[in-house]
Amino acid sequence: MPDIHPSAIVGQGARIDSSARIGPFCIVEDGARIGPGCVLDSNVKVHGCVRMGADNRVCHGTVLGAEPQDLGFTPDKARPLVIGDGNHFKENVTISCGVKEAHGTRIGNHNYLMNGSHVGHDCIVGDHNIFASQATLGGHVTLQDRIFLSGMVAVHQFCRIGSHVMVGGLTGVGQDVPPFAMVNGQRARYIG
């Protein structure tokens, strides 16, 4: 039996692994799936489109599977938000469900998203990426693996960022970034 705080609201159709913990004032909607060893701190909202793997930590105020910031969105168009294993979502992270792509929004394994980070609809995020505070992905962005997005980075929709990239703080990324690059500035430019 999962450890669910009495103040949490959990939909009858939610599937929560017996080893998961749901903290105070969390809301888990019908249809959501939460895997083994997951911990939801307090005031976390998990929408019904979420499919979460094992050992994820979700901190206070985070919203997973939110309606996308897409003017054409209607609830019948919602696609899943699929989250892998071992991710850590700090305070007030928001990740939208998918809307246009068959794959929905996907978060890989062992990513670390610091406070206030945002992942837009239909993004694909690989493994072992770090989002510093307030880093933001527009819709349809693809991140490969082991990328570091510094504080307040904004990545424009449809951009792709290759593996082992570092993006400097306050950078606006408006075009694709190849693997092993460092980019910085407004707009991003190669620095090494």
N, C-alpha and C. Protein backbone atom coordinates (compact mmCIF):
# COMPACT_ATOMS: atom_id res chain seq x y z
N MET A 1 0.84 -1.19 0.00
CA MET A 1 0.00 0.00 0.00
C MET A 1 0.89 1.26 0.00
N PRO A 2 0.68 2.18 -0.94
CA PRO A 2 1.49 3.39 -0.96
C PRO A 2 1.24 4.24 0.30
N ASP A 3 2.25 5.02 0.66
CA ASP A 3 2.14 5.94 1.79
C ASP A 3 1.55 7.24 1.27
N ILE A 4 0.26 7.45 1.50
CA ILE A 4 -0.45 8.63 1.00
C ILE A 4 -0.92 9.46 2.18
N HIS A 5 -0.48 10.71 2.23
CA HIS A 5 -0.88 11.61 3.32
C HIS A 5 -2.40 11.81 3.29
N PRO A 6 -3.05 11.90 4.44
CA PRO A 6 -4.51 12.03 4.47
C PRO A 6 -5.06 13.27 3.76
N SER A 7 -4.24 14.32 3.62
CA SER A 7 -4.72 15.53 2.95
C SER A 7 -4.57 15.47 1.43
N ALA A 8 -3.90 14.46 0.92
CA ALA A 8 -3.72 14.33 -0.53
C ALA A 8 -5.03 13.88 -1.17
N ILE A 9 -5.22 14.29 -2.42
CA ILE A 9 -6.39 13.88 -3.20
C ILE A 9 -5.88 13.00 -4.33
N VAL A 10 -6.31 11.75 -4.33
CA VAL A 10 -5.85 10.78 -5.33
C VAL A 10 -7.06 10.20 -6.04
N GLY A 11 -7.09 10.36 -7.37
CA GLY A 11 -8.20 9.83 -8.16
C GLY A 11 -8.28 8.32 -8.06
N GLN A 12 -9.50 7.80 -8.11
CA GLN A 12 -9.71 6.36 -8.01
C GLN A 12 -9.01 5.60 -9.13
N GLY A 13 -8.85 6.24 -10.29
CA GLY A 13 -8.23 5.58 -11.44
C GLY A 13 -6.73 5.77 -11.53
N ALA A 14 -6.12 6.43 -10.53
CA ALA A 14 -4.66 6.60 -10.53
C ALA A 14 -4.01 5.28 -10.12
N ARG A 15 -2.88 4.97 -10.75
CA ARG A 15 -2.14 3.74 -10.40
C ARG A 15 -0.83 4.15 -9.73
N ILE A 16 -0.75 3.87 -8.44
CA ILE A 16 0.41 4.28 -7.64
C ILE A 16 1.06 3.03 -7.07
N ASP A 17 2.36 2.88 -7.32
CA ASP A 17 3.08 1.71 -6.81
C ASP A 17 3.05 1.70 -5.28
N SER A 18 3.09 0.52 -4.72
CA SER A 18 2.98 0.36 -3.27
C SER A 18 4.16 0.97 -2.51
N SER A 19 5.29 1.21 -3.18
CA SER A 19 6.45 1.79 -2.50
C SER A 19 6.53 3.31 -2.67
N ALA A 20 5.58 3.92 -3.36
CA ALA A 20 5.59 5.37 -3.57
C ALA A 20 5.08 6.10 -2.33
N ARG A 21 5.49 7.38 -2.21
CA ARG A 21 5.00 8.23 -1.12
C ARG A 21 4.40 9.50 -1.71
N ILE A 22 3.19 9.82 -1.25
CA ILE A 22 2.47 11.00 -1.71
C ILE A 22 2.29 11.92 -0.51
N GLY A 23 2.87 13.13 -0.57
CA GLY A 23 2.88 14.03 0.57
C GLY A 23 1.63 14.87 0.72
N PRO A 24 1.65 15.78 1.71
CA PRO A 24 0.49 16.60 2.03
C PRO A 24 0.04 17.47 0.85
N PHE A 25 -1.26 17.54 0.69
CA PHE A 25 -1.92 18.44 -0.27
C PHE A 25 -1.55 18.19 -1.73
N CYS A 26 -1.06 17.01 -2.03
CA CYS A 26 -0.82 16.64 -3.43
C CYS A 26 -2.13 16.27 -4.09
N ILE A 27 -2.19 16.43 -5.41
CA ILE A 27 -3.33 16.00 -6.20
C ILE A 27 -2.80 15.10 -7.31
N VAL A 28 -3.32 13.88 -7.36
CA VAL A 28 -2.96 12.92 -8.40
C VAL A 28 -4.25 12.54 -9.11
N GLU A 29 -4.36 12.91 -10.38
CA GLU A 29 -5.61 12.71 -11.12
C GLU A 29 -5.79 11.27 -11.59
N ASP A 30 -7.04 10.94 -11.91
CA ASP A 30 -7.36 9.65 -12.54
C ASP A 30 -6.48 9.46 -13.76
N GLY A 31 -6.01 8.25 -13.96
CA GLY A 31 -5.21 7.91 -15.13
C GLY A 31 -3.72 8.05 -14.93
N ALA A 32 -3.29 8.84 -13.93
CA ALA A 32 -1.85 9.00 -13.69
C ALA A 32 -1.25 7.69 -13.20
N ARG A 33 0.01 7.46 -13.55
CA ARG A 33 0.74 6.28 -13.08
C ARG A 33 2.03 6.73 -12.42
N ILE A 34 2.23 6.29 -11.19
CA ILE A 34 3.42 6.66 -10.43
C ILE A 34 4.14 5.38 -10.04
N GLY A 35 5.41 5.27 -10.46
CA GLY A 35 6.17 4.04 -10.31
C GLY A 35 6.79 3.83 -8.95
N PRO A 36 7.53 2.73 -8.81
CA PRO A 36 8.14 2.35 -7.54
C PRO A 36 9.13 3.39 -7.03
N GLY A 37 9.11 3.60 -5.73
CA GLY A 37 10.09 4.46 -5.08
C GLY A 37 9.94 5.94 -5.35
N CYS A 38 8.89 6.36 -6.03
CA CYS A 38 8.69 7.79 -6.30
C CYS A 38 8.23 8.50 -5.03
N VAL A 39 8.67 9.75 -4.87
CA VAL A 39 8.29 10.56 -3.73
C VAL A 39 7.76 11.89 -4.24
N LEU A 40 6.52 12.23 -3.87
CA LEU A 40 5.94 13.53 -4.14
C LEU A 40 5.91 14.27 -2.81
N ASP A 41 6.63 15.38 -2.70
CA ASP A 41 6.72 16.10 -1.43
C ASP A 41 5.36 16.65 -1.02
N SER A 42 5.12 17.93 -1.20
CA SER A 42 3.83 18.51 -0.84
C SER A 42 3.36 19.42 -1.97
N ASN A 43 2.06 19.60 -2.06
CA ASN A 43 1.47 20.52 -3.04
C ASN A 43 1.91 20.22 -4.47
N VAL A 44 2.06 18.97 -4.81
CA VAL A 44 2.42 18.56 -6.16
C VAL A 44 1.15 18.19 -6.90
N LYS A 45 1.04 18.59 -8.17
CA LYS A 45 -0.11 18.23 -9.00
C LYS A 45 0.39 17.32 -10.11
N VAL A 46 -0.21 16.12 -10.20
CA VAL A 46 0.13 15.17 -11.25
C VAL A 46 -1.14 14.94 -12.07
N HIS A 47 -1.13 15.42 -13.31
CA HIS A 47 -2.29 15.28 -14.18
C HIS A 47 -2.41 13.84 -14.68
N GLY A 48 -3.58 13.51 -15.19
CA GLY A 48 -3.88 12.14 -15.61
C GLY A 48 -3.07 11.62 -16.77
N CYS A 49 -2.42 12.50 -17.52
CA CYS A 49 -1.62 12.08 -18.68
C CYS A 49 -0.22 11.59 -18.31
N VAL A 50 0.14 11.66 -17.02
CA VAL A 50 1.51 11.37 -16.59
C VAL A 50 1.74 9.88 -16.41
N ARG A 51 2.87 9.40 -16.95
CA ARG A 51 3.34 8.02 -16.77
C ARG A 51 4.74 8.12 -16.21
N MET A 52 4.90 7.90 -14.91
CA MET A 52 6.16 8.11 -14.22
C MET A 52 6.83 6.79 -13.89
N GLY A 53 8.12 6.68 -14.20
CA GLY A 53 8.89 5.48 -13.90
C GLY A 53 9.24 5.38 -12.42
N ALA A 54 10.42 4.84 -12.12
CA ALA A 54 10.81 4.55 -10.74
C ALA A 54 11.74 5.62 -10.17
N ASP A 55 11.67 5.76 -8.85
CA ASP A 55 12.65 6.53 -8.07
C ASP A 55 12.76 7.99 -8.49
N ASN A 56 11.66 8.61 -8.83
CA ASN A 56 11.65 10.04 -9.13
C ASN A 56 11.30 10.81 -7.86
N ARG A 57 11.94 11.97 -7.69
CA ARG A 57 11.65 12.85 -6.55
C ARG A 57 11.03 14.11 -7.10
N VAL A 58 9.85 14.47 -6.57
CA VAL A 58 9.11 15.63 -7.06
C VAL A 58 8.88 16.56 -5.88
N CYS A 59 9.47 17.75 -5.92
CA CYS A 59 9.43 18.67 -4.79
C CYS A 59 8.23 19.61 -4.83
N HIS A 60 8.08 20.36 -3.77
CA HIS A 60 6.94 21.22 -3.49
C HIS A 60 6.54 22.11 -4.68
N GLY A 61 5.26 22.12 -4.97
CA GLY A 61 4.70 23.04 -5.95
C GLY A 61 4.89 22.67 -7.40
N THR A 62 5.44 21.52 -7.67
CA THR A 62 5.67 21.10 -9.06
C THR A 62 4.37 20.64 -9.70
N VAL A 63 4.22 20.94 -10.99
CA VAL A 63 3.04 20.52 -11.75
C VAL A 63 3.52 19.69 -12.94
N LEU A 64 3.09 18.44 -12.99
CA LEU A 64 3.47 17.52 -14.07
C LEU A 64 2.27 17.21 -14.95
N GLY A 65 2.43 17.40 -16.26
CA GLY A 65 1.36 17.11 -17.20
C GLY A 65 0.36 18.23 -17.36
N ALA A 66 0.78 19.45 -17.06
CA ALA A 66 -0.12 20.61 -17.16
C ALA A 66 -0.58 20.81 -18.60
N GLU A 67 -1.71 21.50 -18.74
CA GLU A 67 -2.16 21.86 -20.09
C GLU A 67 -1.09 22.70 -20.76
N PRO A 68 -0.79 22.44 -22.02
CA PRO A 68 0.27 23.17 -22.70
C PRO A 68 -0.12 24.62 -22.98
N GLN A 69 0.89 25.43 -23.15
CA GLN A 69 0.67 26.83 -23.50
C GLN A 69 0.59 26.90 -25.02
N ASP A 70 -0.53 26.43 -25.53
CA ASP A 70 -0.80 26.30 -26.96
C ASP A 70 -2.24 26.75 -27.16
N LEU A 71 -2.44 27.81 -27.93
CA LEU A 71 -3.78 28.37 -28.09
C LEU A 71 -4.77 27.41 -28.72
N GLY A 72 -4.29 26.43 -29.47
CA GLY A 72 -5.17 25.47 -30.12
C GLY A 72 -5.47 24.24 -29.29
N PHE A 73 -4.98 24.20 -28.05
CA PHE A 73 -5.15 23.00 -27.23
C PHE A 73 -6.58 22.82 -26.76
N THR A 74 -7.05 21.59 -26.87
CA THR A 74 -8.29 21.17 -26.22
C THR A 74 -7.98 19.86 -25.49
N PRO A 75 -8.65 19.57 -24.37
CA PRO A 75 -8.30 18.39 -23.58
C PRO A 75 -8.29 17.07 -24.36
N ASP A 76 -9.10 16.96 -25.40
CA ASP A 76 -9.11 15.71 -26.17
C ASP A 76 -7.83 15.51 -26.98
N LYS A 77 -7.01 16.56 -27.12
CA LYS A 77 -5.75 16.46 -27.86
C LYS A 77 -4.57 16.09 -26.97
N ALA A 78 -4.78 15.97 -25.67
CA ALA A 78 -3.68 15.71 -24.73
C ALA A 78 -2.97 14.40 -25.05
N ARG A 79 -1.66 14.45 -25.08
CA ARG A 79 -0.81 13.28 -25.27
C ARG A 79 -0.03 13.07 -23.97
N PRO A 80 0.50 11.87 -23.74
CA PRO A 80 1.13 11.58 -22.45
C PRO A 80 2.39 12.40 -22.17
N LEU A 81 2.65 12.58 -20.89
CA LEU A 81 3.95 13.00 -20.39
C LEU A 81 4.57 11.75 -19.79
N VAL A 82 5.62 11.24 -20.44
CA VAL A 82 6.27 10.01 -20.00
C VAL A 82 7.60 10.38 -19.35
N ILE A 83 7.76 9.99 -18.09
CA ILE A 83 8.94 10.32 -17.30
C ILE A 83 9.67 9.02 -16.96
N GLY A 84 10.97 8.99 -17.19
CA GLY A 84 11.77 7.79 -16.92
C GLY A 84 12.04 7.59 -15.44
N ASP A 85 13.25 7.17 -15.11
CA ASP A 85 13.63 6.80 -13.75
C ASP A 85 14.68 7.76 -13.19
N GLY A 86 14.65 7.94 -11.87
CA GLY A 86 15.71 8.63 -11.17
C GLY A 86 15.83 10.11 -11.44
N ASN A 87 14.74 10.76 -11.82
CA ASN A 87 14.76 12.20 -12.06
C ASN A 87 14.48 12.94 -10.76
N HIS A 88 14.94 14.19 -10.69
CA HIS A 88 14.71 15.03 -9.52
C HIS A 88 14.16 16.37 -10.01
N PHE A 89 12.93 16.66 -9.62
CA PHE A 89 12.27 17.90 -10.00
C PHE A 89 12.17 18.77 -8.75
N LYS A 90 12.90 19.87 -8.72
CA LYS A 90 12.90 20.75 -7.55
C LYS A 90 11.62 21.58 -7.53
N GLU A 91 11.57 22.59 -6.66
CA GLU A 91 10.35 23.33 -6.40
C GLU A 91 9.83 24.07 -7.64
N ASN A 92 8.51 24.00 -7.81
CA ASN A 92 7.78 24.78 -8.81
C ASN A 92 8.21 24.52 -10.25
N VAL A 93 8.65 23.33 -10.54
CA VAL A 93 8.92 22.93 -11.92
C VAL A 93 7.57 22.68 -12.61
N THR A 94 7.46 23.06 -13.88
CA THR A 94 6.25 22.76 -14.66
C THR A 94 6.66 22.03 -15.94
N ILE A 95 5.92 20.96 -16.23
CA ILE A 95 6.15 20.20 -17.46
C ILE A 95 4.80 19.93 -18.09
N SER A 96 4.65 20.35 -19.34
CA SER A 96 3.36 20.22 -20.04
C SER A 96 3.19 18.85 -20.66
N CYS A 97 1.94 18.44 -20.81
CA CYS A 97 1.65 17.23 -21.57
C CYS A 97 1.92 17.50 -23.05
N GLY A 98 1.93 16.47 -23.83
CA GLY A 98 2.07 16.63 -25.27
C GLY A 98 0.74 17.05 -25.88
N VAL A 99 0.83 17.57 -27.10
CA VAL A 99 -0.41 17.97 -27.76
C VAL A 99 -0.45 17.60 -29.24
N LYS A 100 0.68 17.67 -29.93
CA LYS A 100 0.64 17.48 -31.38
C LYS A 100 1.38 16.24 -31.85
N GLU A 101 2.40 15.85 -31.15
CA GLU A 101 3.22 14.71 -31.58
C GLU A 101 2.70 13.43 -30.95
N ALA A 102 2.78 12.34 -31.68
CA ALA A 102 2.32 11.05 -31.17
C ALA A 102 3.07 10.63 -29.92
N HIS A 103 4.36 11.03 -29.81
CA HIS A 103 5.16 10.63 -28.65
C HIS A 103 4.83 11.41 -27.39
N GLY A 104 4.11 12.50 -27.49
CA GLY A 104 3.84 13.34 -26.32
C GLY A 104 5.10 14.03 -25.85
N THR A 105 5.15 14.34 -24.56
CA THR A 105 6.33 14.94 -23.94
C THR A 105 7.08 13.82 -23.24
N ARG A 106 8.42 13.79 -23.39
CA ARG A 106 9.20 12.69 -22.81
C ARG A 106 10.40 13.25 -22.03
N ILE A 107 10.54 12.74 -20.83
CA ILE A 107 11.69 13.05 -19.98
C ILE A 107 12.41 11.73 -19.73
N GLY A 108 13.70 11.67 -20.02
CA GLY A 108 14.46 10.43 -19.88
C GLY A 108 14.76 10.08 -18.43
N ASN A 109 16.00 9.69 -18.17
CA ASN A 109 16.42 9.21 -16.85
C ASN A 109 17.49 10.11 -16.24
N HIS A 110 17.44 10.25 -14.93
CA HIS A 110 18.48 10.91 -14.14
C HIS A 110 18.70 12.37 -14.54
N ASN A 111 17.62 13.07 -14.81
CA ASN A 111 17.69 14.51 -15.07
C ASN A 111 17.45 15.25 -13.76
N TYR A 112 18.00 16.47 -13.67
CA TYR A 112 17.87 17.29 -12.47
C TYR A 112 17.38 18.66 -12.89
N LEU A 113 16.14 18.98 -12.56
CA LEU A 113 15.54 20.26 -12.93
C LEU A 113 15.40 21.11 -11.68
N MET A 114 16.13 22.23 -11.64
CA MET A 114 16.09 23.10 -10.47
C MET A 114 14.83 23.96 -10.48
N ASN A 115 14.67 24.73 -9.40
CA ASN A 115 13.41 25.44 -9.16
C ASN A 115 13.00 26.33 -10.33
N GLY A 116 11.71 26.28 -10.62
CA GLY A 116 11.12 27.14 -11.63
C GLY A 116 11.40 26.76 -13.07
N SER A 117 12.02 25.63 -13.31
CA SER A 117 12.28 25.20 -14.69
C SER A 117 10.97 24.84 -15.38
N HIS A 118 10.95 24.95 -16.70
CA HIS A 118 9.75 24.62 -17.48
C HIS A 118 10.13 23.82 -18.71
N VAL A 119 9.37 22.75 -18.97
CA VAL A 119 9.52 21.96 -20.20
C VAL A 119 8.19 22.05 -20.93
N GLY A 120 8.21 22.63 -22.14
CA GLY A 120 7.00 22.82 -22.92
C GLY A 120 6.50 21.53 -23.56
N HIS A 121 5.34 21.64 -24.17
CA HIS A 121 4.68 20.49 -24.78
C HIS A 121 5.51 19.86 -25.89
N ASP A 122 5.41 18.55 -25.99
CA ASP A 122 6.02 17.76 -27.06
C ASP A 122 7.55 17.81 -27.08
N CYS A 123 8.17 18.19 -25.96
CA CYS A 123 9.64 18.16 -25.87
C CYS A 123 10.11 16.73 -25.63
N ILE A 124 11.34 16.47 -26.04
CA ILE A 124 12.01 15.21 -25.75
C ILE A 124 13.31 15.57 -25.03
N VAL A 125 13.42 15.13 -23.78
CA VAL A 125 14.61 15.39 -22.97
C VAL A 125 15.28 14.05 -22.71
N GLY A 126 16.56 13.95 -23.05
CA GLY A 126 17.30 12.69 -22.90
C GLY A 126 17.64 12.39 -21.45
N ASP A 127 18.87 11.94 -21.20
CA ASP A 127 19.31 11.48 -19.89
C ASP A 127 20.42 12.36 -19.32
N HIS A 128 20.46 12.46 -17.99
CA HIS A 128 21.55 13.12 -17.26
C HIS A 128 21.70 14.59 -17.63
N ASN A 129 20.60 15.28 -17.84
CA ASN A 129 20.64 16.71 -18.13
C ASN A 129 20.39 17.49 -16.85
N ILE A 130 20.95 18.71 -16.78
CA ILE A 130 20.74 19.58 -15.64
C ILE A 130 20.16 20.89 -16.14
N PHE A 131 19.04 21.29 -15.52
CA PHE A 131 18.42 22.58 -15.79
C PHE A 131 18.65 23.43 -14.54
N ALA A 132 19.42 24.52 -14.63
CA ALA A 132 19.55 25.42 -13.49
C ALA A 132 18.24 26.21 -13.34
N SER A 133 18.15 26.99 -12.29
CA SER A 133 16.92 27.70 -11.96
C SER A 133 16.37 28.49 -13.14
N GLN A 134 15.07 28.34 -13.36
CA GLN A 134 14.30 29.09 -14.36
C GLN A 134 14.66 28.76 -15.80
N ALA A 135 15.39 27.69 -16.07
CA ALA A 135 15.66 27.29 -17.45
C ALA A 135 14.35 26.84 -18.10
N THR A 136 14.14 27.22 -19.35
CA THR A 136 12.85 27.03 -20.01
C THR A 136 13.03 26.47 -21.41
N LEU A 137 12.23 25.46 -21.73
CA LEU A 137 12.18 24.91 -23.09
C LEU A 137 10.83 25.25 -23.70
N GLY A 138 10.83 25.85 -24.89
CA GLY A 138 9.60 26.02 -25.64
C GLY A 138 9.12 24.68 -26.16
N GLY A 139 7.98 24.65 -26.80
CA GLY A 139 7.43 23.40 -27.31
C GLY A 139 8.30 22.76 -28.38
N HIS A 140 8.25 21.44 -28.45
CA HIS A 140 8.90 20.64 -29.50
C HIS A 140 10.43 20.69 -29.46
N VAL A 141 11.03 21.09 -28.36
CA VAL A 141 12.49 21.11 -28.24
C VAL A 141 12.99 19.69 -27.98
N THR A 142 14.16 19.37 -28.54
CA THR A 142 14.81 18.08 -28.28
C THR A 142 16.16 18.34 -27.63
N LEU A 143 16.36 17.76 -26.44
CA LEU A 143 17.65 17.78 -25.77
C LEU A 143 18.19 16.36 -25.79
N GLN A 144 19.45 16.20 -26.18
CA GLN A 144 20.05 14.88 -26.12
C GLN A 144 20.50 14.61 -24.68
N ASP A 145 21.72 14.17 -24.43
CA ASP A 145 22.15 13.75 -23.10
C ASP A 145 23.27 14.62 -22.54
N ARG A 146 23.31 14.71 -21.21
CA ARG A 146 24.38 15.37 -20.46
C ARG A 146 24.58 16.82 -20.88
N ILE A 147 23.48 17.54 -20.93
CA ILE A 147 23.47 18.96 -21.28
C ILE A 147 23.30 19.76 -20.00
N PHE A 148 23.99 20.89 -19.89
CA PHE A 148 23.82 21.78 -18.75
C PHE A 148 23.23 23.09 -19.25
N LEU A 149 22.00 23.38 -18.81
CA LEU A 149 21.36 24.66 -19.10
C LEU A 149 21.51 25.54 -17.86
N SER A 150 22.24 26.63 -17.97
CA SER A 150 22.46 27.52 -16.84
C SER A 150 21.19 28.29 -16.50
N GLY A 151 21.26 29.11 -15.46
CA GLY A 151 20.09 29.83 -14.98
C GLY A 151 19.46 30.73 -16.01
N MET A 152 18.15 30.71 -16.06
CA MET A 152 17.32 31.56 -16.90
C MET A 152 17.60 31.42 -18.39
N VAL A 153 18.06 30.27 -18.81
CA VAL A 153 18.21 29.98 -20.24
C VAL A 153 16.83 29.77 -20.84
N ALA A 154 16.62 30.29 -22.04
CA ALA A 154 15.37 30.07 -22.77
C ALA A 154 15.71 29.44 -24.12
N VAL A 155 15.11 28.29 -24.40
CA VAL A 155 15.34 27.60 -25.67
C VAL A 155 14.08 27.73 -26.51
N HIS A 156 14.21 28.32 -27.70
CA HIS A 156 13.08 28.56 -28.59
C HIS A 156 12.49 27.24 -29.08
N GLN A 157 11.20 27.26 -29.36
CA GLN A 157 10.51 26.05 -29.83
C GLN A 157 11.18 25.47 -31.07
N PHE A 158 11.11 24.16 -31.18
CA PHE A 158 11.65 23.36 -32.29
C PHE A 158 13.18 23.29 -32.35
N CYS A 159 13.90 23.89 -31.41
CA CYS A 159 15.36 23.79 -31.41
C CYS A 159 15.80 22.41 -30.92
N ARG A 160 16.99 22.00 -31.38
CA ARG A 160 17.60 20.74 -30.94
C ARG A 160 18.97 21.05 -30.37
N ILE A 161 19.27 20.44 -29.22
CA ILE A 161 20.57 20.64 -28.58
C ILE A 161 21.24 19.29 -28.43
N GLY A 162 22.48 19.19 -28.95
CA GLY A 162 23.21 17.94 -28.92
C GLY A 162 23.80 17.61 -27.56
N SER A 163 24.30 16.41 -27.43
CA SER A 163 24.86 15.92 -26.16
C SER A 163 26.09 16.72 -25.74
N HIS A 164 26.30 16.79 -24.43
CA HIS A 164 27.49 17.39 -23.81
C HIS A 164 27.63 18.88 -24.13
N VAL A 165 26.51 19.59 -24.22
CA VAL A 165 26.51 21.03 -24.47
C VAL A 165 26.38 21.76 -23.14
N MET A 166 27.03 22.92 -23.03
CA MET A 166 26.80 23.82 -21.91
C MET A 166 26.29 25.13 -22.46
N VAL A 167 25.17 25.60 -21.89
CA VAL A 167 24.57 26.87 -22.29
C VAL A 167 24.72 27.84 -21.13
N GLY A 168 25.38 29.00 -21.37
CA GLY A 168 25.62 29.99 -20.32
C GLY A 168 24.35 30.67 -19.84
N GLY A 169 24.42 31.24 -18.65
CA GLY A 169 23.27 31.88 -18.03
C GLY A 169 22.69 33.01 -18.86
N LEU A 170 21.38 33.18 -18.77
CA LEU A 170 20.62 34.23 -19.45
C LEU A 170 20.69 34.15 -20.96
N THR A 171 21.06 32.99 -21.49
CA THR A 171 21.20 32.84 -22.93
C THR A 171 19.86 32.49 -23.56
N GLY A 172 19.59 33.10 -24.70
CA GLY A 172 18.44 32.73 -25.52
C GLY A 172 18.93 31.88 -26.68
N VAL A 173 18.51 30.64 -26.73
CA VAL A 173 18.92 29.73 -27.80
C VAL A 173 17.83 29.75 -28.87
N GLY A 174 18.19 30.23 -30.07
CA GLY A 174 17.21 30.35 -31.13
C GLY A 174 17.48 29.48 -32.34
N GLN A 175 18.48 28.62 -32.25
CA GLN A 175 18.79 27.70 -33.35
C GLN A 175 19.41 26.44 -32.77
N ASP A 176 19.55 25.42 -33.59
CA ASP A 176 20.12 24.16 -33.12
C ASP A 176 21.55 24.35 -32.64
N VAL A 177 21.94 23.55 -31.63
CA VAL A 177 23.30 23.58 -31.09
C VAL A 177 23.89 22.18 -31.25
N PRO A 178 25.04 22.05 -31.95
CA PRO A 178 25.63 20.72 -32.15
C PRO A 178 26.26 20.19 -30.86
N PRO A 179 26.52 18.89 -30.80
CA PRO A 179 27.13 18.30 -29.61
C PRO A 179 28.48 18.93 -29.26
N PHE A 180 28.83 18.87 -27.97
CA PHE A 180 30.13 19.28 -27.43
C PHE A 180 30.42 20.76 -27.58
N ALA A 181 29.40 21.60 -27.72
CA ALA A 181 29.60 23.04 -27.85
C ALA A 181 29.32 23.73 -26.52
N MET A 182 29.89 24.94 -26.39
CA MET A 182 29.50 25.86 -25.33
C MET A 182 28.91 27.08 -26.04
N VAL A 183 27.75 27.52 -25.59
CA VAL A 183 27.13 28.70 -26.18
C VAL A 183 26.77 29.68 -25.07
N ASN A 184 26.79 30.96 -25.44
CA ASN A 184 26.52 31.99 -24.45
C ASN A 184 26.08 33.26 -25.18
N GLY A 185 25.30 34.08 -24.53
CA GLY A 185 24.95 35.38 -25.07
C GLY A 185 23.51 35.47 -25.50
N GLN A 186 23.16 36.67 -25.94
CA GLN A 186 21.78 36.95 -26.33
C GLN A 186 21.80 37.36 -27.79
N ARG A 187 21.50 36.66 -28.70
CA ARG A 187 21.29 35.25 -28.91
C ARG A 187 22.57 34.46 -28.75
N ALA A 188 22.39 33.16 -28.60
CA ALA A 188 23.52 32.28 -28.35
C ALA A 188 24.52 32.33 -29.50
N ARG A 189 25.79 32.32 -29.17
CA ARG A 189 26.86 32.23 -30.16
C ARG A 189 27.92 31.29 -29.62
N TYR A 190 28.69 30.70 -30.51
CA TYR A 190 29.74 29.77 -30.10
C TYR A 190 30.84 30.51 -29.34
N ILE A 191 31.27 29.92 -28.24
CA ILE A 191 32.41 30.49 -27.51
C ILE A 191 33.51 29.47 -27.30
N GLY A 192 33.30 28.23 -27.73
CA GLY A 192 34.35 27.24 -27.57
C GLY A 192 33.90 25.86 -27.95
